[in-house]
Amino acid sequence: MKLDTKELKTITILYVEDDDAVREQTQIVMTKLFKNVYIAEDGVLGLNKFKQHKDEIDIVVSDINMPNMNGLDMISKINELNSSIPTIVTTAHTDSKFVLDAIDMNVDKYMPKPLQIKELTINIVNIVQKYRRLNNIEVLARTLMEKKSETEHLHSNLSEKMERLQIENNYLKAIVDNLVLKVKIDKAAQIIETSDKFLRFFELSKDEIIGENINILRCENCDQESFQKLMLKAIHTKKTVTSTYTFKKGENSKITADVTLTPSYNINMLVSEYTVYIDIL
């Protein structure tokens, strides 16, 4: 992956590491690559640094085992301040408990030491880009909802409002069907609805795909278990989640895409279905 230096210079990092040698070496490289790098030697100092610069920081990179406060405890407290801040944890330990704890806290990436700076940099850029795209989607959604509310307020007659909403819904549905790779799945990951763009892109028909498991898409680097974990993460966090997958298209073609999964809830606040958006990279 070729890194965009302009993109790097838009990213501010909080880097927390108690090992002096590792911290100093990594800081030297990071400072040259990124816009700003705030440094802390343990979880307590890292939390304080985040509080001071939370409006600037785009991502937190932290070791796990540190004095005073470990990295996961620090991230937990940071999440209380800003639950949408992306995080990467680094550690020399490979104990699965650390991995499970990190997943439970919605940590975006778990990287073993010794760190490879290029790999770390690529992960930072990819994760920040994903979060920025999601934030843009959320801002757009809020704007559309505000405009919809304003439109509804202007119409006093209920029948006129319903007619207008129906026209808007049909228009938006037409846009989604033709421009967005979207698929709806039920709680068992079976496909219940797709956009026309989705069918055209993957060269499938509704008869072939409705009622089939999402794995019919021939994901190269995921299986049913990994996709179920993404679904469980959405339930656990009660928000949209994203992961990057590679799909086979045709005999020789492959595509890499961000898969964004949004749960829908019934009146009992239980997940009834998921909407999956596929963003080709």
C-alpha atoms as a PDB file:
ATOM      1  CA  MET A   1       0.000   0.000   0.000  1.00  0.00           C
ATOM      2  CA  LYS A   2       1.325   3.410  -1.018  1.00  0.00           C
ATOM      3  CA  LEU A   3       0.932   5.903   1.804  1.00  0.00           C
ATOM      4  CA  ASP A   4      -0.371   9.382   1.034  1.00  0.00           C
ATOM      5  CA  THR A   5       1.898  11.850   2.847  1.00  0.00           C
ATOM      6  CA  LYS A   6      -0.831  14.506   2.726  1.00  0.00           C
ATOM      7  CA  GLU A   7      -3.212  12.119   4.500  1.00  0.00           C
ATOM      8  CA  LEU A   8      -0.576  11.331   7.144  1.00  0.00           C
ATOM      9  CA  LYS A   9      -0.135  15.031   7.903  1.00  0.00           C
ATOM     10  CA  THR A  10      -3.824  15.334   8.819  1.00  0.00           C
ATOM     11  CA  ILE A  11      -3.628  12.734  11.614  1.00  0.00           C
ATOM     12  CA  THR A  12      -2.883  13.429  15.282  1.00  0.00           C
ATOM     13  CA  ILE A  13      -1.933  10.491  17.533  1.00  0.00           C
ATOM     14  CA  LEU A  14      -1.785   9.805  21.252  1.00  0.00           C
ATOM     15  CA  TYR A  15       1.021   7.255  21.747  1.00  0.00           C
ATOM     16  CA  VAL A  16       1.327   5.609  25.177  1.00  0.00           C
ATOM     17  CA  GLU A  17       4.308   3.345  25.930  1.00  0.00           C
ATOM     18  CA  ASP A  18       6.250   2.760  29.143  1.00  0.00           C
ATOM     19  CA  ASP A  19       9.372   1.221  27.536  1.00  0.00           C
ATOM     20  CA  ASP A  20      11.753   4.160  27.066  1.00  0.00           C
ATOM     21  CA  ALA A  21      13.679   2.665  24.144  1.00  0.00           C
ATOM     22  CA  VAL A  22      10.579   1.552  22.199  1.00  0.00           C
ATOM     23  CA  ARG A  23       8.800   4.853  22.895  1.00  0.00           C
ATOM     24  CA  GLU A  24      11.698   7.038  21.826  1.00  0.00           C
ATOM     25  CA  GLN A  25      12.398   5.068  18.621  1.00  0.00           C
ATOM     26  CA  THR A  26       8.741   5.015  17.606  1.00  0.00           C
ATOM     27  CA  GLN A  27       8.267   8.686  18.509  1.00  0.00           C
ATOM     28  CA  ILE A  28      11.122   9.762  16.230  1.00  0.00           C
ATOM     29  CA  VAL A  29       9.497   8.104  13.200  1.00  0.00           C
ATOM     30  CA  MET A  30       5.907   9.073  14.079  1.00  0.00           C
ATOM     31  CA  THR A  31       6.807  12.723  14.570  1.00  0.00           C
ATOM     32  CA  LYS A  32       8.173  12.854  11.024  1.00  0.00           C
ATOM     33  CA  LEU A  33       5.141  11.108   9.511  1.00  0.00           C
ATOM     34  CA  PHE A  34       2.106  12.532  11.284  1.00  0.00           C
ATOM     35  CA  LYS A  35       0.678  15.974  12.024  1.00  0.00           C
ATOM     36  CA  ASN A  36       1.078  15.736  15.809  1.00  0.00           C
ATOM     37  CA  VAL A  37       2.130  12.984  18.210  1.00  0.00           C
ATOM     38  CA  TYR A  38       1.317  13.314  21.899  1.00  0.00           C
ATOM     39  CA  ILE A  39       3.408  11.036  24.108  1.00  0.00           C
ATOM     40  CA  ALA A  40       2.717   9.492  27.520  1.00  0.00           C
ATOM     41  CA  GLU A  41       4.668   6.990  29.634  1.00  0.00           C
ATOM     42  CA  ASP A  42       1.747   5.210  31.340  1.00  0.00           C
ATOM     43  CA  GLY A  43      -2.042   4.987  31.414  1.00  0.00           C
ATOM     44  CA  VAL A  44      -2.562   7.771  33.944  1.00  0.00           C
ATOM     45  CA  LEU A  45      -0.467  10.239  31.949  1.00  0.00           C
ATOM     46  CA  GLY A  46      -2.068   9.002  28.724  1.00  0.00           C
ATOM     47  CA  LEU A  47      -5.562   9.657  30.070  1.00  0.00           C
ATOM     48  CA  ASN A  48      -4.553  13.154  31.206  1.00  0.00           C
ATOM     49  CA  LYS A  49      -2.977  13.867  27.826  1.00  0.00           C
ATOM     50  CA  PHE A  50      -6.173  12.742  26.079  1.00  0.00           C
ATOM     51  CA  LYS A  51      -8.278  15.037  28.259  1.00  0.00           C
ATOM     52  CA  GLN A  52      -6.008  17.964  27.330  1.00  0.00           C
ATOM     53  CA  HIS A  53      -6.101  17.303  23.573  1.00  0.00           C
ATOM     54  CA  LYS A  54      -9.260  15.224  22.975  1.00  0.00           C
ATOM     55  CA  ASP A  55     -10.526  17.616  20.288  1.00  0.00           C
ATOM     56  CA  GLU A  56      -7.311  17.123  18.283  1.00  0.00           C
ATOM     57  CA  ILE A  57      -6.570  13.412  18.692  1.00  0.00           C
ATOM     58  CA  ASP A  58      -7.680  11.130  15.840  1.00  0.00           C
ATOM     59  CA  ILE A  59      -6.453   7.788  17.221  1.00  0.00           C
ATOM     60  CA  VAL A  60      -4.924   6.267  20.371  1.00  0.00           C
ATOM     61  CA  VAL A  61      -2.014   3.790  20.140  1.00  0.00           C
ATOM     62  CA  SER A  62      -1.163   2.193  23.481  1.00  0.00           C
ATOM     63  CA  ASP A  63       0.799  -0.590  25.097  1.00  0.00           C
ATOM     64  CA  ILE A  64      -1.192  -2.855  27.453  1.00  0.00           C
ATOM     65  CA  ASN A  65       1.159  -3.652  30.338  1.00  0.00           C
ATOM     66  CA  MET A  66       2.182  -0.376  31.992  1.00  0.00           C
ATOM     67  CA  PRO A  67       2.635   0.910  35.548  1.00  0.00           C
ATOM     68  CA  ASN A  68       0.024   3.038  37.377  1.00  0.00           C
ATOM     69  CA  MET A  69      -2.716   2.204  34.858  1.00  0.00           C
ATOM     70  CA  ASN A  70      -2.598  -0.413  32.084  1.00  0.00           C
ATOM     71  CA  GLY A  71      -3.551   0.353  28.500  1.00  0.00           C
ATOM     72  CA  LEU A  72      -6.950  -1.366  28.519  1.00  0.00           C
ATOM     73  CA  ASP A  73      -8.061   0.464  31.686  1.00  0.00           C
ATOM     74  CA  MET A  74      -6.927   3.731  30.121  1.00  0.00           C
ATOM     75  CA  ILE A  75      -8.860   2.986  26.906  1.00  0.00           C
ATOM     76  CA  SER A  76     -11.952   2.128  28.954  1.00  0.00           C
ATOM     77  CA  LYS A  77     -11.819   5.554  30.624  1.00  0.00           C
ATOM     78  CA  ILE A  78     -11.121   7.272  27.298  1.00  0.00           C
ATOM     79  CA  ASN A  79     -14.186   5.566  25.818  1.00  0.00           C
ATOM     80  CA  GLU A  80     -16.275   7.126  28.594  1.00  0.00           C
ATOM     81  CA  LEU A  81     -15.115  10.519  27.305  1.00  0.00           C
ATOM     82  CA  ASN A  82     -15.354   9.710  23.584  1.00  0.00           C
ATOM     83  CA  SER A  83     -16.749   6.316  22.590  1.00  0.00           C
ATOM     84  CA  SER A  84     -15.987   6.897  18.901  1.00  0.00           C
ATOM     85  CA  ILE A  85     -12.213   7.377  19.217  1.00  0.00           C
ATOM     86  CA  PRO A  86     -10.359   4.583  17.349  1.00  0.00           C
ATOM     87  CA  THR A  87      -7.714   2.622  19.269  1.00  0.00           C
ATOM     88  CA  ILE A  88      -4.805   0.266  18.599  1.00  0.00           C
ATOM     89  CA  VAL A  89      -3.225  -1.792  21.386  1.00  0.00           C
ATOM     90  CA  THR A  90       0.300  -3.195  21.293  1.00  0.00           C
ATOM     91  CA  THR A  91       1.822  -5.849  23.544  1.00  0.00           C
ATOM     92  CA  ALA A  92       4.534  -8.489  23.731  1.00  0.00           C
ATOM     93  CA  HIS A  93       2.016 -10.910  25.288  1.00  0.00           C
ATOM     94  CA  THR A  94      -0.009 -13.304  23.144  1.00  0.00           C
ATOM     95  CA  ASP A  95      -2.410 -14.390  25.897  1.00  0.00           C
ATOM     96  CA  SER A  96      -5.883 -14.780  24.358  1.00  0.00           C
ATOM     97  CA  LYS A  97      -7.394 -13.072  27.426  1.00  0.00           C
ATOM     98  CA  PHE A  98      -5.744  -9.801  26.395  1.00  0.00           C
ATOM     99  CA  VAL A  99      -7.177 -10.188  22.891  1.00  0.00           C
ATOM    100  CA  LEU A 100     -10.685 -10.902  24.213  1.00  0.00           C
ATOM    101  CA  ASP A 101     -10.514  -7.956  26.611  1.00  0.00           C
ATOM    102  CA  ALA A 102      -9.389  -5.719  23.756  1.00  0.00           C
ATOM    103  CA  ILE A 103     -12.272  -6.904  21.526  1.00  0.00           C
ATOM    104  CA  ASP A 104     -14.706  -6.363  24.388  1.00  0.00           C
ATOM    105  CA  MET A 105     -13.581  -2.726  24.581  1.00  0.00           C
ATOM    106  CA  ASN A 106     -14.074  -2.241  20.830  1.00  0.00           C
ATOM    107  CA  VAL A 107     -10.328  -1.881  20.212  1.00  0.00           C
ATOM    108  CA  ASP A 108      -9.852  -1.599  16.450  1.00  0.00           C
ATOM    109  CA  LYS A 109      -6.512  -3.401  16.155  1.00  0.00           C
ATOM    110  CA  TYR A 110      -4.353  -5.685  18.315  1.00  0.00           C
ATOM    111  CA  MET A 111      -0.673  -5.619  17.256  1.00  0.00           C
ATOM    112  CA  PRO A 112       2.045  -7.839  18.763  1.00  0.00           C
ATOM    113  CA  LYS A 113       5.498  -6.520  19.533  1.00  0.00           C
ATOM    114  CA  PRO A 114       8.075  -5.890  18.243  1.00  0.00           C
ATOM    115  CA  LEU A 115       6.214  -3.309  16.189  1.00  0.00           C
ATOM    116  CA  GLN A 116       6.806  -2.891  12.483  1.00  0.00           C
ATOM    117  CA  ILE A 117       6.518   0.874  11.916  1.00  0.00           C
ATOM    118  CA  LYS A 118       5.281   0.535   8.336  1.00  0.00           C
ATOM    119  CA  GLU A 119       2.544  -1.915   9.358  1.00  0.00           C
ATOM    120  CA  LEU A 120       1.573   0.325  12.295  1.00  0.00           C
ATOM    121  CA  THR A 121       1.415   3.376  10.013  1.00  0.00           C
ATOM    122  CA  ILE A 122      -0.766   1.567   7.455  1.00  0.00           C
ATOM    123  CA  ASN A 123      -3.144   0.407  10.199  1.00  0.00           C
ATOM    124  CA  ILE A 124      -3.372   3.926  11.650  1.00  0.00           C
ATOM    125  CA  VAL A 125      -4.226   5.450   8.263  1.00  0.00           C
ATOM    126  CA  ASN A 126      -6.786   2.749   7.372  1.00  0.00           C
ATOM    127  CA  ILE A 127      -8.559   2.948  10.732  1.00  0.00           C
ATOM    128  CA  VAL A 128      -8.678   6.760  10.804  1.00  0.00           C
ATOM    129  CA  GLN A 129     -10.016   6.830   7.229  1.00  0.00           C
ATOM    130  CA  LYS A 130     -12.793   4.377   8.165  1.00  0.00           C
ATOM    131  CA  TYR A 131     -13.816   6.430  11.181  1.00  0.00           C
ATOM    132  CA  ARG A 132     -13.804   9.626   9.136  1.00  0.00           C
ATOM    133  CA  ARG A 133     -16.039   8.019   6.495  1.00  0.00           C
ATOM    134  CA  LEU A 134     -18.439   6.809   9.193  1.00  0.00           C
ATOM    135  CA  ASN A 135     -18.490  10.254  10.791  1.00  0.00           C
ATOM    136  CA  ASN A 136     -19.248  11.809   7.406  1.00  0.00           C
ATOM    137  CA  ILE A 137     -22.121   9.353   6.927  1.00  0.00           C
ATOM    138  CA  GLU A 138     -23.503  10.192  10.364  1.00  0.00           C
ATOM    139  CA  VAL A 139     -23.264  13.947   9.697  1.00  0.00           C
ATOM    140  CA  LEU A 140     -25.012  13.477   6.342  1.00  0.00           C
ATOM    141  CA  ALA A 141     -27.719  11.363   7.991  1.00  0.00           C
ATOM    142  CA  ARG A 142     -28.318  14.016  10.664  1.00  0.00           C
ATOM    143  CA  THR A 143     -28.478  16.728   8.002  1.00  0.00           C
ATOM    144  CA  LEU A 144     -30.987  14.741   5.969  1.00  0.00           C
ATOM    145  CA  MET A 145     -33.090  14.105   9.050  1.00  0.00           C
ATOM    146  CA  GLU A 146     -33.056  17.820   9.920  1.00  0.00           C
ATOM    147  CA  LYS A 147     -34.121  18.718   6.388  1.00  0.00           C
ATOM    148  CA  LYS A 148     -36.824  16.063   6.520  1.00  0.00           C
ATOM    149  CA  SER A 149     -38.147  17.521   9.770  1.00  0.00           C
ATOM    150  CA  GLU A 150     -38.161  21.018   8.315  1.00  0.00           C
ATOM    151  CA  THR A 151     -40.017  19.762   5.250  1.00  0.00           C
ATOM    152  CA  GLU A 152     -42.631  18.006   7.365  1.00  0.00           C
ATOM    153  CA  HIS A 153     -43.170  21.119   9.431  1.00  0.00           C
ATOM    154  CA  LEU A 154     -43.994  23.154   6.327  1.00  0.00           C
ATOM    155  CA  HIS A 155     -46.883  20.885   5.372  1.00  0.00           C
ATOM    156  CA  SER A 156     -49.943  21.163   7.574  1.00  0.00           C
ATOM    157  CA  ASN A 157     -52.066  18.726   5.637  1.00  0.00           C
ATOM    158  CA  LEU A 158     -51.351  15.100   6.576  1.00  0.00           C
ATOM    159  CA  SER A 159     -52.167  13.702   3.159  1.00  0.00           C
ATOM    160  CA  GLU A 160     -49.793  16.145   1.467  1.00  0.00           C
ATOM    161  CA  LYS A 161     -47.028  15.193   3.892  1.00  0.00           C
ATOM    162  CA  MET A 162     -47.547  11.474   3.306  1.00  0.00           C
ATOM    163  CA  GLU A 163     -47.518  11.943  -0.441  1.00  0.00           C
ATOM    164  CA  ARG A 164     -44.328  13.994  -0.282  1.00  0.00           C
ATOM    165  CA  LEU A 165     -42.623  11.484   2.012  1.00  0.00           C
ATOM    166  CA  GLN A 166     -43.588   8.659  -0.314  1.00  0.00           C
ATOM    167  CA  ILE A 167     -42.071  10.502  -3.258  1.00  0.00           C
ATOM    168  CA  GLU A 168     -38.872  11.180  -1.260  1.00  0.00           C
ATOM    169  CA  ASN A 169     -38.672   7.561  -0.111  1.00  0.00           C
ATOM    170  CA  ASN A 170     -39.111   6.302  -3.669  1.00  0.00           C
ATOM    171  CA  TYR A 171     -36.458   8.729  -4.861  1.00  0.00           C
ATOM    172  CA  LEU A 172     -33.986   7.714  -2.153  1.00  0.00           C
ATOM    173  CA  LYS A 173     -34.714   4.035  -2.771  1.00  0.00           C
ATOM    174  CA  ALA A 174     -34.031   4.535  -6.480  1.00  0.00           C
ATOM    175  CA  ILE A 175     -30.710   6.209  -5.649  1.00  0.00           C
ATOM    176  CA  VAL A 176     -29.715   3.424  -3.252  1.00  0.00           C
ATOM    177  CA  ASP A 177     -30.771   0.692  -5.692  1.00  0.00           C
ATOM    178  CA  ASN A 178     -28.709   2.182  -8.491  1.00  0.00           C
ATOM    179  CA  LEU A 179     -25.688   3.642  -6.688  1.00  0.00           C
ATOM    180  CA  VAL A 180     -25.118   1.750  -3.418  1.00  0.00           C
ATOM    181  CA  LEU A 181     -23.867  -1.795  -2.818  1.00  0.00           C
ATOM    182  CA  LYS A 182     -26.355  -2.751  -0.108  1.00  0.00           C
ATOM    183  CA  VAL A 183     -27.735  -6.021   1.210  1.00  0.00           C
ATOM    184  CA  LYS A 184     -30.049  -6.808   4.131  1.00  0.00           C
ATOM    185  CA  ILE A 185     -29.581  -9.977   6.173  1.00  0.00           C
ATOM    186  CA  ASP A 186     -31.563 -11.552   8.986  1.00  0.00           C
ATOM    187  CA  LYS A 187     -30.235 -12.675  12.386  1.00  0.00           C
ATOM    188  CA  ALA A 188     -28.963 -15.919  10.810  1.00  0.00           C
ATOM    189  CA  ALA A 189     -26.975 -13.933   8.189  1.00  0.00           C
ATOM    190  CA  GLN A 190     -29.347 -15.018   5.412  1.00  0.00           C
ATOM    191  CA  ILE A 191     -29.926 -12.488   2.639  1.00  0.00           C
ATOM    192  CA  ILE A 192     -33.458 -11.020   2.582  1.00  0.00           C
ATOM    193  CA  GLU A 193     -33.034  -7.995   0.304  1.00  0.00           C
ATOM    194  CA  THR A 194     -30.443  -6.423  -2.022  1.00  0.00           C
ATOM    195  CA  SER A 195     -30.012  -3.252  -4.059  1.00  0.00           C
ATOM    196  CA  ASP A 196     -29.933  -3.474  -7.860  1.00  0.00           C
ATOM    197  CA  LYS A 197     -26.366  -2.112  -7.806  1.00  0.00           C
ATOM    198  CA  PHE A 198     -25.347  -5.014  -5.555  1.00  0.00           C
ATOM    199  CA  LEU A 199     -26.807  -7.587  -7.973  1.00  0.00           C
ATOM    200  CA  ARG A 200     -25.209  -5.958 -11.006  1.00  0.00           C
ATOM    201  CA  PHE A 201     -21.803  -5.606  -9.359  1.00  0.00           C
ATOM    202  CA  PHE A 202     -21.590  -9.219  -8.180  1.00  0.00           C
ATOM    203  CA  GLU A 203     -23.324 -10.488 -11.348  1.00  0.00           C
ATOM    204  CA  LEU A 204     -26.059 -12.286  -9.407  1.00  0.00           C
ATOM    205  CA  SER A 205     -29.834 -12.536  -9.635  1.00  0.00           C
ATOM    206  CA  LYS A 206     -32.347 -12.295  -6.787  1.00  0.00           C
ATOM    207  CA  ASP A 207     -33.361 -15.906  -7.370  1.00  0.00           C
ATOM    208  CA  GLU A 208     -29.761 -16.971  -6.808  1.00  0.00           C
ATOM    209  CA  ILE A 209     -29.128 -14.959  -3.665  1.00  0.00           C
ATOM    210  CA  ILE A 210     -32.327 -14.382  -1.639  1.00  0.00           C
ATOM    211  CA  GLY A 211     -32.446 -16.830   1.256  1.00  0.00           C
ATOM    212  CA  GLU A 212     -28.748 -17.686   0.920  1.00  0.00           C
ATOM    213  CA  ASN A 213     -26.116 -17.041   3.583  1.00  0.00           C
ATOM    214  CA  ILE A 214     -24.019 -13.870   3.133  1.00  0.00           C
ATOM    215  CA  ASN A 215     -20.990 -16.143   2.587  1.00  0.00           C
ATOM    216  CA  ILE A 216     -22.295 -16.800  -0.935  1.00  0.00           C
ATOM    217  CA  LEU A 217     -20.293 -13.677  -1.822  1.00  0.00           C
ATOM    218  CA  ARG A 218     -17.082 -15.741  -1.631  1.00  0.00           C
ATOM    219  CA  CYS A 219     -15.170 -13.692   0.896  1.00  0.00           C
ATOM    220  CA  GLU A 220     -11.499 -14.667   0.663  1.00  0.00           C
ATOM    221  CA  ASN A 221     -10.287 -13.575   4.124  1.00  0.00           C
ATOM    222  CA  CYS A 222     -13.383 -14.236   6.223  1.00  0.00           C
ATOM    223  CA  ASP A 223     -15.673 -17.113   7.095  1.00  0.00           C
ATOM    224  CA  GLN A 224     -19.099 -17.491   8.676  1.00  0.00           C
ATOM    225  CA  GLU A 225     -17.595 -17.374  12.173  1.00  0.00           C
ATOM    226  CA  SER A 226     -15.737 -14.096  11.572  1.00  0.00           C
ATOM    227  CA  PHE A 227     -18.834 -12.451  10.086  1.00  0.00           C
ATOM    228  CA  GLN A 228     -20.916 -13.640  13.041  1.00  0.00           C
ATOM    229  CA  LYS A 229     -18.346 -11.975  15.333  1.00  0.00           C
ATOM    230  CA  LEU A 230     -18.927  -8.714  13.429  1.00  0.00           C
ATOM    231  CA  MET A 231     -22.684  -9.137  13.934  1.00  0.00           C
ATOM    232  CA  LEU A 232     -22.167  -9.799  17.665  1.00  0.00           C
ATOM    233  CA  LYS A 233     -19.943  -6.736  17.945  1.00  0.00           C
ATOM    234  CA  ALA A 234     -22.738  -4.612  16.452  1.00  0.00           C
ATOM    235  CA  ILE A 235     -25.174  -6.017  19.033  1.00  0.00           C
ATOM    236  CA  HIS A 236     -22.712  -5.535  21.879  1.00  0.00           C
ATOM    237  CA  THR A 237     -21.822  -1.949  20.956  1.00  0.00           C
ATOM    238  CA  LYS A 238     -25.306  -1.026  19.700  1.00  0.00           C
ATOM    239  CA  LYS A 239     -23.775   0.886  16.816  1.00  0.00           C
ATOM    240  CA  THR A 240     -22.472   0.563  13.266  1.00  0.00           C
ATOM    241  CA  VAL A 241     -19.309  -1.550  12.861  1.00  0.00           C
ATOM    242  CA  THR A 242     -16.884  -1.875   9.947  1.00  0.00           C
ATOM    243  CA  SER A 243     -14.330  -4.442   8.791  1.00  0.00           C
ATOM    244  CA  THR A 244     -12.247  -4.862   5.622  1.00  0.00           C
ATOM    245  CA  TYR A 245     -12.687  -7.979   3.479  1.00  0.00           C
ATOM    246  CA  THR A 246     -11.503  -9.261   0.104  1.00  0.00           C
ATOM    247  CA  PHE A 247     -14.117 -10.770  -2.218  1.00  0.00           C
ATOM    248  CA  LYS A 248     -13.764 -12.885  -5.336  1.00  0.00           C
ATOM    249  CA  LYS A 249     -15.609 -11.526  -8.328  1.00  0.00           C
ATOM    250  CA  GLY A 250     -15.754 -13.840 -11.300  1.00  0.00           C
ATOM    251  CA  GLU A 251     -12.960 -16.309 -11.922  1.00  0.00           C
ATOM    252  CA  ASN A 252      -9.849 -14.132 -11.559  1.00  0.00           C
ATOM    253  CA  SER A 253     -10.996 -10.765 -10.228  1.00  0.00           C
ATOM    254  CA  LYS A 254     -10.700  -9.762  -6.570  1.00  0.00           C
ATOM    255  CA  ILE A 255     -11.944  -6.658  -4.775  1.00  0.00           C
ATOM    256  CA  THR A 256     -11.114  -5.208  -1.362  1.00  0.00           C
ATOM    257  CA  ALA A 257     -13.952  -3.452   0.423  1.00  0.00           C
ATOM    258  CA  ASP A 258     -14.980  -1.957   3.737  1.00  0.00           C
ATOM    259  CA  VAL A 259     -18.052  -3.824   4.967  1.00  0.00           C
ATOM    260  CA  THR A 260     -20.207  -1.597   7.181  1.00  0.00           C
ATOM    261  CA  LEU A 261     -22.890  -3.375   9.203  1.00  0.00           C
ATOM    262  CA  THR A 262     -25.790  -1.534  10.859  1.00  0.00           C
ATOM    263  CA  PRO A 263     -28.283  -3.366  13.123  1.00  0.00           C
ATOM    264  CA  SER A 264     -32.033  -2.616  13.068  1.00  0.00           C
ATOM    265  CA  TYR A 265     -34.156  -3.079  16.181  1.00  0.00           C
ATOM    266  CA  ASN A 266     -37.765  -4.105  16.752  1.00  0.00           C
ATOM    267  CA  ILE A 267     -40.151  -2.556  19.297  1.00  0.00           C
ATOM    268  CA  ASN A 268     -38.615  -4.768  22.007  1.00  0.00           C
ATOM    269  CA  MET A 269     -35.161  -3.314  21.205  1.00  0.00           C
ATOM    270  CA  LEU A 270     -33.950  -6.668  19.882  1.00  0.00           C
ATOM    271  CA  VAL A 271     -32.012  -6.877  16.634  1.00  0.00           C
ATOM    272  CA  SER A 272     -34.364  -7.903  13.827  1.00  0.00           C
ATOM    273  CA  GLU A 273     -32.053  -7.548  10.824  1.00  0.00           C
ATOM    274  CA  TYR A 274     -28.816  -5.967   9.600  1.00  0.00           C
ATOM    275  CA  THR A 275     -28.096  -3.640   6.690  1.00  0.00           C
ATOM    276  CA  VAL A 276     -24.709  -4.270   5.079  1.00  0.00           C
ATOM    277  CA  TYR A 277     -23.026  -1.585   2.967  1.00  0.00           C
ATOM    278  CA  ILE A 278     -20.041  -2.544   0.812  1.00  0.00           C
ATOM    279  CA  ASP A 279     -17.622   0.299   0.081  1.00  0.00           C
ATOM    280  CA  ILE A 280     -15.119  -0.689  -2.630  1.00  0.00           C
ATOM    281  CA  LEU A 281     -11.623   0.577  -1.810  1.00  0.00           C
END
